C-alpha atoms as a PDB file:
ATOM      1  CA  UNK A   1       1.637  11.124 -27.562  1.00  0.00           C
ATOM      2  CA  UNK A   2       0.130  14.091 -28.507  1.00  0.00           C
ATOM      3  CA  UNK A   3       1.534  17.508 -28.396  1.00  0.00           C
ATOM      4  CA  UNK A   4      -0.654  18.808 -25.564  1.00  0.00           C
ATOM      5  CA  UNK A   5       0.763  15.877 -23.399  1.00  0.00           C
ATOM      6  CA  UNK A   6       4.519  16.448 -24.265  1.00  0.00           C
ATOM      7  CA  UNK A   7       4.090  20.039 -23.344  1.00  0.00           C
ATOM      8  CA  UNK A   8       2.498  18.948 -19.822  1.00  0.00           C
ATOM      9  CA  UNK A   9       5.732  16.609 -19.236  1.00  0.00           C
ATOM     10  CA  UNK A  10       7.877  19.213 -20.498  1.00  0.00           C
ATOM     11  CA  UNK A  11       6.589  21.944 -17.998  1.00  0.00           C
ATOM     12  CA  UNK A  12       6.768  19.113 -14.853  1.00  0.00           C
ATOM     13  CA  UNK A  13      10.645  19.048 -15.909  1.00  0.00           C
ATOM     14  CA  UNK A  14      10.850  22.617 -14.914  1.00  0.00           C
ATOM     15  CA  UNK A  15       8.918  22.069 -11.439  1.00  0.00           C
ATOM     16  CA  UNK A  16       8.422  19.826  -8.591  1.00  0.00           C
ATOM     17  CA  UNK A  17       5.503  17.778  -9.403  1.00  0.00           C
ATOM     18  CA  UNK A  18       2.804  17.403  -6.754  1.00  0.00           C
ATOM     19  CA  UNK A  19       2.456  13.758  -5.572  1.00  0.00           C
ATOM     20  CA  UNK A  20      -0.208  12.297  -3.618  1.00  0.00           C
ATOM     21  CA  UNK A  21       0.291   9.030  -1.793  1.00  0.00           C
ATOM     22  CA  UNK A  22      -2.855   7.057  -1.779  1.00  0.00           C
ATOM     23  CA  UNK A  23      -2.909   3.957   0.448  1.00  0.00           C
ATOM     24  CA  UNK A  24      -5.689   1.200   0.077  1.00  0.00           C
ATOM     25  CA  UNK A  25      -6.711   0.342   3.804  1.00  0.00           C
ATOM     26  CA  UNK A  26      -9.236  -1.571   5.594  1.00  0.00           C
ATOM     27  CA  UNK A  27     -10.527  -1.880   9.161  1.00  0.00           C
ATOM     28  CA  UNK A  28      -9.009  -5.125  10.251  1.00  0.00           C
ATOM     29  CA  UNK A  29      -6.251  -5.577  12.986  1.00  0.00           C
ATOM     30  CA  UNK A  30      -3.381  -6.206  10.267  1.00  0.00           C
ATOM     31  CA  UNK A  31      -4.156  -3.443   8.181  1.00  0.00           C
ATOM     32  CA  UNK A  32      -4.643  -1.087  11.137  1.00  0.00           C
ATOM     33  CA  UNK A  33      -1.253  -1.710  12.732  1.00  0.00           C
ATOM     34  CA  UNK A  34       0.522  -1.447   9.465  1.00  0.00           C
ATOM     35  CA  UNK A  35      -1.379   1.848   8.588  1.00  0.00           C
ATOM     36  CA  UNK A  36      -0.319   3.183  12.019  1.00  0.00           C
ATOM     37  CA  UNK A  37       3.098   2.442  11.582  1.00  0.00           C
ATOM     38  CA  UNK A  38       3.181   4.015   8.277  1.00  0.00           C
ATOM     39  CA  UNK A  39       1.532   7.144   9.296  1.00  0.00           C
ATOM     40  CA  UNK A  40       4.090   7.550  12.163  1.00  0.00           C
ATOM     41  CA  UNK A  41       6.963   6.750   9.820  1.00  0.00           C
ATOM     42  CA  UNK A  42       5.827   9.041   7.028  1.00  0.00           C
ATOM     43  CA  UNK A  43       4.440  11.901   8.950  1.00  0.00           C
ATOM     44  CA  UNK A  44       7.873  13.814   8.420  1.00  0.00           C
ATOM     45  CA  UNK A  45       7.295  13.756   4.758  1.00  0.00           C
ATOM     46  CA  UNK A  46       3.758  15.239   4.985  1.00  0.00           C
ATOM     47  CA  UNK A  47       5.004  18.732   4.187  1.00  0.00           C
ATOM     48  CA  UNK A  48       6.442  17.373   0.798  1.00  0.00           C
ATOM     49  CA  UNK A  49       3.839  14.860  -0.066  1.00  0.00           C
ATOM     50  CA  UNK A  50       0.079  14.421   0.406  1.00  0.00           C
ATOM     51  CA  UNK A  51      -0.391  11.036   2.193  1.00  0.00           C
ATOM     52  CA  UNK A  52      -3.822   9.946   2.600  1.00  0.00           C
ATOM     53  CA  UNK A  53      -5.009   6.337   3.666  1.00  0.00           C
ATOM     54  CA  UNK A  54      -8.649   5.203   2.511  1.00  0.00           C
ATOM     55  CA  UNK A  55     -11.218   3.076   4.040  1.00  0.00           C
ATOM     56  CA  UNK A  56     -14.802   1.916   3.313  1.00  0.00           C
ATOM     57  CA  UNK A  57     -17.837   1.272   5.754  1.00  0.00           C
ATOM     58  CA  UNK A  58     -17.950  -1.549   8.317  1.00  0.00           C
ATOM     59  CA  UNK A  59     -18.542  -4.670   6.838  1.00  0.00           C
ATOM     60  CA  UNK A  60     -21.157  -6.139   9.321  1.00  0.00           C
ATOM     61  CA  UNK A  61     -21.087  -9.647   7.900  1.00  0.00           C
ATOM     62  CA  UNK A  62     -17.440 -10.017   8.798  1.00  0.00           C
ATOM     63  CA  UNK A  63     -16.229 -11.357  12.130  1.00  0.00           C
ATOM     64  CA  UNK A  64     -13.372  -9.045  12.156  1.00  0.00           C
ATOM     65  CA  UNK A  65     -13.052  -6.520  14.874  1.00  0.00           C
ATOM     66  CA  UNK A  66     -13.122  -2.779  13.398  1.00  0.00           C
ATOM     67  CA  UNK A  67     -10.060  -1.039  14.455  1.00  0.00           C
ATOM     68  CA  UNK A  68     -10.570   2.083  12.749  1.00  0.00           C
ATOM     69  CA  UNK A  69     -14.347   3.000  14.282  1.00  0.00           C
ATOM     70  CA  UNK A  70     -12.938   5.206  16.647  1.00  0.00           C
ATOM     71  CA  UNK A  71     -10.159   6.497  14.510  1.00  0.00           C
ATOM     72  CA  UNK A  72     -12.213   7.347  11.335  1.00  0.00           C
ATOM     73  CA  UNK A  73     -11.114  10.948  11.136  1.00  0.00           C
ATOM     74  CA  UNK A  74      -7.444   9.946  10.364  1.00  0.00           C
ATOM     75  CA  UNK A  75      -8.631   8.119   7.145  1.00  0.00           C
ATOM     76  CA  UNK A  76     -10.439   9.143   3.840  1.00  0.00           C
ATOM     77  CA  UNK A  77     -13.829   7.530   4.703  1.00  0.00           C
ATOM     78  CA  UNK A  78     -15.800   6.384   1.612  1.00  0.00           C
ATOM     79  CA  UNK A  79     -19.248   5.195   1.284  1.00  0.00           C
ATOM     80  CA  UNK A  80     -18.895   1.389   0.021  1.00  0.00           C
ATOM     81  CA  UNK A  81     -18.603  -1.803   2.126  1.00  0.00           C
ATOM     82  CA  UNK A  82     -14.991  -2.253   3.277  1.00  0.00           C
ATOM     83  CA  UNK A  83     -14.922  -6.046   2.256  1.00  0.00           C
ATOM     84  CA  UNK A  84     -12.508  -7.582  -0.155  1.00  0.00           C
ATOM     85  CA  UNK A  85     -14.968  -7.906  -3.057  1.00  0.00           C
ATOM     86  CA  UNK A  86     -15.287  -4.230  -3.163  1.00  0.00           C
ATOM     87  CA  UNK A  87     -11.688  -3.199  -3.340  1.00  0.00           C
ATOM     88  CA  UNK A  88     -12.234  -2.025  -6.864  1.00  0.00           C
ATOM     89  CA  UNK A  89     -15.099   0.320  -5.969  1.00  0.00           C
ATOM     90  CA  UNK A  90     -13.472   1.525  -3.145  1.00  0.00           C
ATOM     91  CA  UNK A  91     -10.360   2.635  -5.249  1.00  0.00           C
ATOM     92  CA  UNK A  92     -12.634   4.218  -7.686  1.00  0.00           C
ATOM     93  CA  UNK A  93     -14.422   6.298  -5.202  1.00  0.00           C
ATOM     94  CA  UNK A  94     -11.140   7.182  -3.817  1.00  0.00           C
ATOM     95  CA  UNK A  95      -9.694   8.460  -7.188  1.00  0.00           C
ATOM     96  CA  UNK A  96     -13.168  10.154  -7.818  1.00  0.00           C
ATOM     97  CA  UNK A  97     -12.758  11.965  -4.536  1.00  0.00           C
ATOM     98  CA  UNK A  98      -9.095  12.680  -4.673  1.00  0.00           C
ATOM     99  CA  UNK A  99      -9.571  14.256  -8.316  1.00  0.00           C
ATOM    100  CA  UNK A 100     -12.240  16.537  -6.955  1.00  0.00           C
ATOM    101  CA  UNK A 101     -10.761  17.739  -3.773  1.00  0.00           C
ATOM    102  CA  UNK A 102      -6.920  17.543  -4.055  1.00  0.00           C
ATOM    103  CA  UNK A 103      -4.447  19.401  -6.193  1.00  0.00           C
ATOM    104  CA  UNK A 104      -2.005  16.750  -7.666  1.00  0.00           C
ATOM    105  CA  UNK A 105       0.034  15.936 -10.793  1.00  0.00           C
ATOM    106  CA  UNK A 106       0.588  12.225  -9.756  1.00  0.00           C
ATOM    107  CA  UNK A 107      -1.033   9.742  -7.496  1.00  0.00           C
ATOM    108  CA  UNK A 108       1.236   6.536  -6.300  1.00  0.00           C
ATOM    109  CA  UNK A 109      -1.316   4.115  -5.091  1.00  0.00           C
ATOM    110  CA  UNK A 110      -0.065   1.422  -2.763  1.00  0.00           C
ATOM    111  CA  UNK A 111      -1.358  -0.624   0.222  1.00  0.00           C
ATOM    112  CA  UNK A 112      -0.529  -1.231   3.923  1.00  0.00           C
ATOM    113  CA  UNK A 113       2.035  -3.878   3.221  1.00  0.00           C
ATOM    114  CA  UNK A 114       4.460  -1.290   1.675  1.00  0.00           C
ATOM    115  CA  UNK A 115       7.275   0.806   2.807  1.00  0.00           C
ATOM    116  CA  UNK A 116       8.330   3.790   0.805  1.00  0.00           C
ATOM    117  CA  UNK A 117      11.833   5.388   0.987  1.00  0.00           C
ATOM    118  CA  UNK A 118      10.742   8.914   0.286  1.00  0.00           C
ATOM    119  CA  UNK A 119      14.270  10.090  -0.569  1.00  0.00           C
ATOM    120  CA  UNK A 120      14.742   7.487  -3.152  1.00  0.00           C
ATOM    121  CA  UNK A 121      11.163   8.051  -4.279  1.00  0.00           C
ATOM    122  CA  UNK A 122      11.877  11.852  -4.674  1.00  0.00           C
ATOM    123  CA  UNK A 123      14.831  10.996  -6.891  1.00  0.00           C
ATOM    124  CA  UNK A 124      12.993   8.227  -8.746  1.00  0.00           C
ATOM    125  CA  UNK A 125      10.080  10.681  -9.621  1.00  0.00           C
ATOM    126  CA  UNK A 126      12.694  13.395 -10.716  1.00  0.00           C
ATOM    127  CA  UNK A 127      14.736  10.879 -12.981  1.00  0.00           C
ATOM    128  CA  UNK A 128      11.705   9.041 -14.511  1.00  0.00           C
ATOM    129  CA  UNK A 129       9.128  12.061 -14.814  1.00  0.00           C
ATOM    130  CA  UNK A 130       8.397  10.970 -18.463  1.00  0.00           C
ATOM    131  CA  UNK A 131       7.572   7.398 -17.714  1.00  0.00           C
ATOM    132  CA  UNK A 132       5.313   7.352 -14.821  1.00  0.00           C
ATOM    133  CA  UNK A 133       2.289   8.556 -16.639  1.00  0.00           C
ATOM    134  CA  UNK A 134       0.936   5.064 -15.759  1.00  0.00           C
ATOM    135  CA  UNK A 135       3.526   2.684 -14.204  1.00  0.00           C
ATOM    136  CA  UNK A 136       4.004  -0.138 -11.637  1.00  0.00           C
ATOM    137  CA  UNK A 137       5.581  -3.510 -11.471  1.00  0.00           C
ATOM    138  CA  UNK A 138       4.094  -4.745 -14.564  1.00  0.00           C
ATOM    139  CA  UNK A 139       2.684  -8.441 -15.001  1.00  0.00           C
ATOM    140  CA  UNK A 140       0.154 -10.497 -16.772  1.00  0.00           C
ATOM    141  CA  UNK A 141      -2.760 -10.951 -14.571  1.00  0.00           C
ATOM    142  CA  UNK A 142      -4.910 -14.163 -14.423  1.00  0.00           C
ATOM    143  CA  UNK A 143      -7.659 -12.199 -16.365  1.00  0.00           C
ATOM    144  CA  UNK A 144      -5.329 -11.864 -19.193  1.00  0.00           C
ATOM    145  CA  UNK A 145      -4.614  -8.196 -18.847  1.00  0.00           C
ATOM    146  CA  UNK A 146      -0.880  -6.740 -18.662  1.00  0.00           C
ATOM    147  CA  UNK A 147      -1.258  -4.646 -15.410  1.00  0.00           C
ATOM    148  CA  UNK A 148       0.530  -2.433 -13.163  1.00  0.00           C
ATOM    149  CA  UNK A 149       0.405  -4.361  -9.742  1.00  0.00           C
ATOM    150  CA  UNK A 150      -1.876  -2.868  -7.255  1.00  0.00           C
ATOM    151  CA  UNK A 151       0.677  -3.089  -4.570  1.00  0.00           C
ATOM    152  CA  UNK A 152       2.163   0.232  -5.989  1.00  0.00           C
ATOM    153  CA  UNK A 153       1.419   2.129  -9.191  1.00  0.00           C
ATOM    154  CA  UNK A 154       1.767   5.663 -10.416  1.00  0.00           C
ATOM    155  CA  UNK A 155      -1.212   7.413 -12.260  1.00  0.00           C
ATOM    156  CA  UNK A 156      -0.914  10.940 -13.608  1.00  0.00           C
ATOM    157  CA  UNK A 157      -3.850  13.416 -13.427  1.00  0.00           C
ATOM    158  CA  UNK A 158      -4.649  12.793 -16.948  1.00  0.00           C
ATOM    159  CA  UNK A 159      -5.136   9.252 -16.355  1.00  0.00           C
ATOM    160  CA  UNK A 160      -7.033   9.624 -12.959  1.00  0.00           C
ATOM    161  CA  UNK A 161      -9.469  11.853 -15.203  1.00  0.00           C
ATOM    162  CA  UNK A 162     -10.177   9.414 -17.782  1.00  0.00           C
ATOM    163  CA  UNK A 163     -10.724   6.806 -15.326  1.00  0.00           C
ATOM    164  CA  UNK A 164     -13.400   8.777 -13.078  1.00  0.00           C
ATOM    165  CA  UNK A 165     -14.742  10.005 -16.454  1.00  0.00           C
ATOM    166  CA  UNK A 166     -15.549   6.679 -17.724  1.00  0.00           C
ATOM    167  CA  UNK A 167     -17.370   4.882 -14.998  1.00  0.00           C
ATOM    168  CA  UNK A 168     -19.411   2.811 -17.145  1.00  0.00           C
ATOM    169  CA  UNK A 169     -16.229   1.286 -18.457  1.00  0.00           C
ATOM    170  CA  UNK A 170     -14.721   0.900 -15.070  1.00  0.00           C
ATOM    171  CA  UNK A 171     -15.631  -3.010 -14.217  1.00  0.00           C
ATOM    172  CA  UNK A 172     -15.775  -3.052 -10.442  1.00  0.00           C
ATOM    173  CA  UNK A 173     -16.093  -6.722 -10.405  1.00  0.00           C
ATOM    174  CA  UNK A 174     -12.488  -7.212 -11.256  1.00  0.00           C
ATOM    175  CA  UNK A 175      -9.420  -6.593  -8.702  1.00  0.00           C
ATOM    176  CA  UNK A 176      -8.732  -2.550  -8.909  1.00  0.00           C
ATOM    177  CA  UNK A 177      -5.385  -2.881 -10.664  1.00  0.00           C
ATOM    178  CA  UNK A 178      -6.912  -5.155 -13.287  1.00  0.00           C
ATOM    179  CA  UNK A 179     -10.080  -2.904 -13.863  1.00  0.00           C
ATOM    180  CA  UNK A 180      -7.763   0.295 -14.145  1.00  0.00           C
ATOM    181  CA  UNK A 181      -5.653  -1.552 -16.549  1.00  0.00           C
ATOM    182  CA  UNK A 182      -8.352  -2.679 -18.701  1.00  0.00           C
ATOM    183  CA  UNK A 183     -10.047   0.771 -18.868  1.00  0.00           C
ATOM    184  CA  UNK A 184      -6.697   2.774 -19.624  1.00  0.00           C
ATOM    185  CA  UNK A 185      -6.103  -0.033 -22.293  1.00  0.00           C
ATOM    186  CA  UNK A 186      -9.252   1.311 -24.318  1.00  0.00           C
ATOM    187  CA  UNK A 187      -7.219   4.571 -24.714  1.00  0.00           C
ATOM    188  CA  UNK A 188      -4.131   2.787 -25.735  1.00  0.00           C
ATOM    189  CA  UNK A 189      -2.293   3.396 -22.532  1.00  0.00           C
ATOM    190  CA  UNK A 190      -0.430   0.622 -21.079  1.00  0.00           C
ATOM    191  CA  UNK A 191       1.939   0.527 -17.894  1.00  0.00           C
ATOM    192  CA  UNK A 192       5.281   1.316 -18.054  1.00  0.00           C
ATOM    193  CA  UNK A 193       7.467  -1.237 -15.888  1.00  0.00           C
ATOM    194  CA  UNK A 194       8.551   0.267 -12.296  1.00  0.00           C
ATOM    195  CA  UNK A 195      10.822  -2.095 -10.324  1.00  0.00           C
ATOM    196  CA  UNK A 196       9.886  -2.843  -6.626  1.00  0.00           C
ATOM    197  CA  UNK A 197      11.575  -4.890  -4.141  1.00  0.00           C
ATOM    198  CA  UNK A 198       9.549  -7.829  -2.484  1.00  0.00           C
ATOM    199  CA  UNK A 199      10.779  -8.783   0.899  1.00  0.00           C
ATOM    200  CA  UNK A 200      10.128 -12.310   2.343  1.00  0.00           C
ATOM    201  CA  UNK A 201      12.937 -11.703   5.041  1.00  0.00           C
ATOM    202  CA  UNK A 202      15.090  -9.273   6.747  1.00  0.00           C
ATOM    203  CA  UNK A 203      17.500  -7.805   3.844  1.00  0.00           C
ATOM    204  CA  UNK A 204      20.769  -6.744   5.197  1.00  0.00           C
ATOM    205  CA  UNK A 205      21.507  -3.163   5.764  1.00  0.00           C
ATOM    206  CA  UNK A 206      24.065  -3.029   2.700  1.00  0.00           C
ATOM    207  CA  UNK A 207      21.451  -4.516   0.485  1.00  0.00           C
ATOM    208  CA  UNK A 208      19.246  -1.465   1.472  1.00  0.00           C
ATOM    209  CA  UNK A 209      21.900   1.007   1.550  1.00  0.00           C
ATOM    210  CA  UNK A 210      23.052   0.136  -1.869  1.00  0.00           C
ATOM    211  CA  UNK A 211      19.630  -0.092  -3.605  1.00  0.00           C
ATOM    212  CA  UNK A 212      17.837   2.415  -5.589  1.00  0.00           C
ATOM    213  CA  UNK A 213      14.626   0.937  -4.883  1.00  0.00           C
ATOM    214  CA  UNK A 214      12.157   3.111  -3.185  1.00  0.00           C
ATOM    215  CA  UNK A 215       9.167   0.921  -2.806  1.00  0.00           C
ATOM    216  CA  UNK A 216       9.550  -2.406  -0.688  1.00  0.00           C
ATOM    217  CA  UNK A 217       6.622  -4.811  -0.284  1.00  0.00           C
ATOM    218  CA  UNK A 218       6.791  -6.163   3.064  1.00  0.00           C
ATOM    219  CA  UNK A 219       4.179  -8.874   2.850  1.00  0.00           C
ATOM    220  CA  UNK A 220       5.961 -11.745   4.694  1.00  0.00           C
ATOM    221  CA  UNK A 221       3.543 -14.817   4.302  1.00  0.00           C
ATOM    222  CA  UNK A 222       4.085 -17.791   4.182  1.00  0.00           C
ATOM    223  CA  UNK A 223       7.809 -17.459   5.355  1.00  0.00           C
ATOM    224  CA  UNK A 224       6.987 -15.751   8.473  1.00  0.00           C
ATOM    225  CA  UNK A 225       3.914 -14.233  10.191  1.00  0.00           C
ATOM    226  CA  UNK A 226       2.375 -11.106   8.806  1.00  0.00           C
ATOM    227  CA  UNK A 227       2.033  -9.432  12.279  1.00  0.00           C
ATOM    228  CA  UNK A 228       5.911  -8.897  11.913  1.00  0.00           C
ATOM    229  CA  UNK A 229       5.403  -6.683   8.882  1.00  0.00           C
ATOM    230  CA  UNK A 230       5.291  -3.284  10.861  1.00  0.00           C
ATOM    231  CA  UNK A 231       8.694  -4.370  12.605  1.00  0.00           C
ATOM    232  CA  UNK A 232      10.153  -4.787   9.044  1.00  0.00           C
ATOM    233  CA  UNK A 233       8.741  -1.180   7.905  1.00  0.00           C
ATOM    234  CA  UNK A 234      10.477   0.323  11.004  1.00  0.00           C
ATOM    235  CA  UNK A 235      13.788  -1.517  10.331  1.00  0.00           C
ATOM    236  CA  UNK A 236      13.619  -0.245   6.690  1.00  0.00           C
ATOM    237  CA  UNK A 237      12.999   3.424   8.003  1.00  0.00           C
ATOM    238  CA  UNK A 238      16.126   3.202  10.231  1.00  0.00           C
ATOM    239  CA  UNK A 239      18.181   1.910   7.557  1.00  0.00           C
ATOM    240  CA  UNK A 240      17.027   4.296   4.925  1.00  0.00           C
ATOM    241  CA  UNK A 241      18.437   7.149   7.496  1.00  0.00           C
ATOM    242  CA  UNK A 242      21.840   5.591   6.796  1.00  0.00           C
ATOM    243  CA  UNK A 243      22.597   5.105  10.536  1.00  0.00           C
ATOM    244  CA  UNK A 244      24.778   2.189   9.989  1.00  0.00           C
ATOM    245  CA  UNK A 245      25.640   1.250  13.514  1.00  0.00           C
ATOM    246  CA  UNK A 246      22.072   1.179  14.741  1.00  0.00           C
ATOM    247  CA  UNK A 247      21.184  -0.350  11.638  1.00  0.00           C
ATOM    248  CA  UNK A 248      23.504  -3.541  12.069  1.00  0.00           C
ATOM    249  CA  UNK A 249      22.263  -3.765  15.810  1.00  0.00           C
ATOM    250  CA  UNK A 250      18.527  -3.672  14.577  1.00  0.00           C
ATOM    251  CA  UNK A 251      19.310  -6.168  11.688  1.00  0.00           C
ATOM    252  CA  UNK A 252      20.564  -8.794  13.856  1.00  0.00           C
ATOM    253  CA  UNK A 253      17.949  -8.273  16.686  1.00  0.00           C
ATOM    254  CA  UNK A 254      15.180  -8.271  14.106  1.00  0.00           C
ATOM    255  CA  UNK A 255      16.938 -11.606  12.460  1.00  0.00           C
ATOM    256  CA  UNK A 256      16.738 -13.254  15.909  1.00  0.00           C
ATOM    257  CA  UNK A 257      13.041 -12.250  16.442  1.00  0.00           C
ATOM    258  CA  UNK A 258      11.968 -13.605  12.633  1.00  0.00           C
ATOM    259  CA  UNK A 259      13.826 -16.952  13.539  1.00  0.00           C
ATOM    260  CA  UNK A 260      12.451 -17.239  17.040  1.00  0.00           C
ATOM    261  CA  UNK A 261       8.765 -16.550  15.737  1.00  0.00           C
ATOM    262  CA  UNK A 262       9.119 -19.669  13.315  1.00  0.00           C
ATOM    263  CA  UNK A 263       9.660 -21.924  16.076  1.00  0.00           C
ATOM    264  CA  UNK A 264       6.476 -24.187  15.872  1.00  0.00           C
ATOM    265  CA  UNK A 265       5.403 -23.499  19.574  1.00  0.00           C
ATOM    266  CA  UNK A 266       5.968 -19.807  19.493  1.00  0.00           C
ATOM    267  CA  UNK A 267       4.260 -19.641  15.666  1.00  0.00           C
ATOM    268  CA  UNK A 268       0.915 -21.051  17.150  1.00  0.00           C
ATOM    269  CA  UNK A 269       1.068 -18.680  20.346  1.00  0.00           C
ATOM    270  CA  UNK A 270       1.413 -15.655  17.805  1.00  0.00           C
ATOM    271  CA  UNK A 271      -1.253 -17.172  15.655  1.00  0.00           C
ATOM    272  CA  UNK A 272      -3.645 -17.709  18.775  1.00  0.00           C
ATOM    273  CA  UNK A 273      -2.843 -13.873  19.883  1.00  0.00           C
ATOM    274  CA  UNK A 274      -3.309 -12.601  16.180  1.00  0.00           C
ATOM    275  CA  UNK A 275      -6.552 -14.614  15.923  1.00  0.00           C
ATOM    276  CA  UNK A 276      -7.751 -12.936  18.955  1.00  0.00           C
ATOM    277  CA  UNK A 277      -6.976  -9.452  18.072  1.00  0.00           C
ATOM    278  CA  UNK A 278      -8.155  -9.953  14.505  1.00  0.00           C
ATOM    279  CA  UNK A 279     -11.485 -11.768  15.355  1.00  0.00           C
ATOM    280  CA  UNK A 280     -11.971 -10.780  19.171  1.00  0.00           C
ATOM    281  CA  UNK A 281     -12.160 -14.637  19.970  1.00  0.00           C
ATOM    282  CA  UNK A 282     -10.362 -17.445  21.538  1.00  0.00           C
ATOM    283  CA  UNK A 283     -10.973 -20.778  20.309  1.00  0.00           C
ATOM    284  CA  UNK A 284      -9.953 -24.334  21.055  1.00  0.00           C
ATOM    285  CA  UNK A 285     -10.533 -26.576  18.140  1.00  0.00           C
ATOM    286  CA  UNK A 286     -13.835 -25.564  16.848  1.00  0.00           C
ATOM    287  CA  UNK A 287     -15.215 -24.177  19.998  1.00  0.00           C
ATOM    288  CA  UNK A 288     -15.310 -20.574  20.733  1.00  0.00           C
ATOM    289  CA  UNK A 289     -14.488 -20.215  24.558  1.00  0.00           C
ATOM    290  CA  UNK A 290     -14.314 -16.418  24.777  1.00  0.00           C
ATOM    291  CA  UNK A 291     -15.473 -13.601  22.469  1.00  0.00           C
ATOM    292  CA  UNK A 292     -15.584  -9.849  22.603  1.00  0.00           C
ATOM    293  CA  UNK A 293     -18.167  -7.575  21.197  1.00  0.00           C
ATOM    294  CA  UNK A 294     -16.252  -4.423  21.659  1.00  0.00           C
ATOM    295  CA  UNK A 295     -15.001  -2.540  18.743  1.00  0.00           C
ATOM    296  CA  UNK A 296     -11.540  -1.369  19.138  1.00  0.00           C
END
């Protein structure tokens, strides 16, 4: 680490760093309902943190209903197709736009299956300011790179600038977390490990009260249907306020809903409803018996 970087980190110790939370989004039903939930839960923290969801252009080849069409002003809209194959390019364009138009010291890039406890988030940043230059839940990707998982990772302003100033070295055909890790590794920058909590069920209030995790990944499949993820985020928000009595009531009620949702006939009904909301179609077997063209 050169002296310039040491000086920069030292200065940040004496001031509150400006952190921008950047959330990868898409136009489909699940991403939309989860992003709506995040926006509602996190609005009270917008005076402390810049919070920005980002999307691409409608992907016309997809059958998915576009739920963002009439709400685009609420998102950072980037000129790239919103399909899965363009996630890396979409992330690169988001970083490029943010670097030019926002004042920040760090970005925390996450997605719509994540919940952030902002009080613990603030404490984590304060206690780990020297280690979040590039950090996330580290793992070995199938491509062979050691990466900070795309579910949530920090990038410093310096590292964002390295990425956007080396566009030719950014391989947009890779997953975005792999492309970022590979580019930064060329500058001898490797990710520091950041713990997160991956949830596949409803955690007890006590386990949340006593945890120092600020980042919960709420991706529930295959244990439960993903349509339940916004409910899990709302529960975590309630527990994070330390309202113990209400939290325990919410816990048992939510567990009941989760267990009920996995009864085979109920799960099939939920899946039919979800498919209708996602694709705008009702199918029996391979036959479509009802379809809507309307964009929500």
